[in-house]
Protein backbone atom coordinates (compact mmCIF):
# COMPACT_ATOMS: atom_id res chain seq x y z
CA MET A 1 58.17 118.38 136.44
CA SER A 2 60.00 119.36 139.42
CA VAL A 3 63.59 120.38 140.07
CA ALA A 4 63.94 117.40 142.42
CA GLY A 5 63.17 114.99 139.43
CA LYS A 6 66.17 116.31 137.41
CA ALA A 7 69.49 115.34 137.76
CA GLN A 8 71.65 118.04 138.96
CA ILE A 9 75.04 118.90 137.18
CA ALA A 10 77.67 120.20 139.59
CA ARG A 11 79.35 123.26 138.24
CA ARG A 12 82.69 122.80 139.34
CA PRO A 13 83.52 119.53 137.48
CA LEU A 14 81.68 120.66 134.45
CA LEU A 15 84.20 123.61 134.37
CA MET A 16 87.03 121.44 135.16
CA SER A 17 86.21 119.30 132.00
CA LEU A 18 85.64 121.94 129.67
CA ALA A 19 89.01 123.66 130.72
CA GLY A 20 90.74 120.22 130.66
CA ALA A 21 89.58 119.75 127.02
CA ALA A 22 90.28 123.32 126.18
CA GLY A 23 93.82 122.67 127.36
CA LEU A 24 94.26 119.64 125.19
CA ALA A 25 93.31 121.24 122.52
CA VAL A 26 95.54 124.20 122.78
CA ALA A 27 98.65 121.75 123.45
CA GLY A 28 97.47 119.58 120.27
CA ALA A 29 97.48 122.75 118.03
CA ALA A 30 100.81 123.94 119.53
CA LEU A 31 102.48 120.50 118.74
CA PHE A 32 101.14 120.45 115.17
CA GLU A 33 102.42 123.76 114.54
CA ALA A 34 105.78 123.14 116.26
CA ARG A 35 106.76 120.68 113.88
CA GLY A 36 107.04 123.14 111.47
CA LEU A 37 109.14 125.68 113.58
CA PHE A 38 112.17 123.12 113.62
CA ALA A 39 111.92 121.82 110.06
CA PRO A 40 114.35 123.25 107.75
CA HIS A 41 112.88 126.21 105.64
CA HIS A 42 114.38 126.49 102.02
CA PRO A 43 113.85 129.66 99.82
CA PRO A 44 111.25 129.24 97.28
CA SER A 45 112.48 128.13 93.93
CA PRO A 46 110.99 127.42 90.40
CA TYR A 47 111.60 123.64 91.17
CA ASP A 48 109.78 123.21 94.53
CA ASP A 49 107.16 120.85 92.56
CA LEU A 50 110.04 118.67 91.94
CA LEU A 51 112.07 119.15 95.29
CA ALA A 52 109.14 117.90 97.13
CA GLN A 53 109.49 114.38 96.03
CA LEU A 54 112.61 114.15 97.97
CA PRO A 55 112.13 113.18 101.77
CA ASP A 56 115.25 114.97 102.93
CA ARG A 57 116.12 117.89 100.67
CA ASP A 58 119.25 118.89 102.53
CA SER A 59 120.93 115.63 102.28
CA ALA A 60 119.98 115.40 98.46
CA ALA A 61 121.75 118.88 98.11
CA ARG A 62 124.93 117.91 99.43
CA ILE A 63 124.47 114.67 97.07
CA GLY A 64 123.79 116.93 94.13
CA ALA A 65 126.91 119.05 94.99
CA ALA A 66 128.84 116.11 94.75
CA TYR A 67 127.56 115.11 91.62
CA LEU A 68 127.63 118.67 90.03
CA SER A 69 131.54 118.98 90.71
CA GLY A 70 132.04 116.27 88.11
CA HIS A 71 129.42 117.48 85.69
CA ARG A 72 129.79 121.20 85.13
CA ALA A 73 127.66 121.53 81.95
CA PHE A 74 124.69 120.35 83.83
CA ASP A 75 121.38 122.08 82.30
CA ILE A 76 119.18 122.92 85.02
CA ALA A 77 116.27 123.90 82.96
CA GLY A 78 116.70 120.90 80.56
CA ALA A 79 116.92 118.76 83.52
CA ALA A 80 113.78 120.18 85.30
CA ARG A 81 111.74 119.66 82.05
CA GLU A 82 112.64 116.25 81.95
CA LEU A 83 112.06 115.55 85.25
CA ARG A 84 108.51 117.12 85.02
CA LYS A 85 107.69 114.73 82.01
CA ARG A 86 108.61 111.61 84.20
CA PHE A 87 106.63 112.62 87.12
CA ALA A 88 103.69 113.86 85.02
CA SER A 89 102.45 110.19 85.04
CA HIS A 90 104.74 108.36 87.17
CA SER A 91 105.41 108.31 91.18
CA LEU A 92 109.07 108.73 92.27
CA ALA A 93 109.21 105.17 93.16
CA ALA A 94 108.20 104.16 89.88
CA VAL A 95 110.63 106.31 88.10
CA LEU A 96 113.60 105.04 90.05
CA GLU A 97 112.45 101.65 89.30
CA ASN A 98 112.47 102.25 85.71
CA ASP A 99 115.93 103.93 86.13
CA LEU A 100 117.09 100.72 87.71
CA SER A 101 115.73 98.29 85.36
CA GLU A 102 116.90 100.09 82.44
CA ALA A 103 120.38 100.83 83.99
CA HIS A 104 120.21 104.51 83.66
CA MET A 105 122.70 104.79 86.37
CA ALA A 106 125.19 107.74 87.11
CA GLU A 107 128.30 108.23 89.65
CA ALA A 108 128.51 111.00 92.34
CA HIS A 109 131.99 110.69 94.04
CA GLY A 110 131.96 106.97 94.15
CA TRP A 111 128.33 106.36 94.64
CA VAL A 112 126.40 105.02 91.92
CA LEU A 113 122.83 106.03 91.80
CA PRO A 114 119.77 106.29 89.48
CA GLU A 115 119.93 109.15 87.04
CA THR A 116 116.56 110.60 87.99
CA LEU A 117 117.70 110.55 91.67
CA LEU A 118 120.84 112.37 90.90
CA ALA A 119 119.22 114.97 88.85
CA LEU A 120 116.62 115.82 91.60
CA CYS A 121 119.63 116.08 93.80
CA ALA A 122 121.26 118.28 91.63
CA LEU A 123 118.24 120.89 91.38
CA ALA A 124 118.17 120.80 95.23
CA ALA A 125 121.79 121.74 95.16
CA LYS A 126 121.26 124.61 92.56
CA ALA A 127 117.95 125.69 94.49
CA GLY A 128 119.69 125.96 97.77
């Protein structure tokens, strides 16, 4: 088969397309990694498996600090043990729904919230 019968691919548009695709890949990777740069970073704690349940750890820590101001005898190790038992077979939503249905509620500076949520918030406050 002769060269005249084959379709010719121009180099310049091919190189421009490849450079554009590489640029998009680099921009996508940068955006993916950038969200980690601006997210709050917390020191590692023995309760990170539990604190991962919280959508906003900083706000939870503020609620937890309010709760702890009225409950000085909060047993952090016992609370973590109890929470791990609860989350072993249920999701956060299911545990909170159970707390609500059984009226397991507690108060933190005028806010009445499920006990499990307040225990998680107190862990967040203690973990820093």
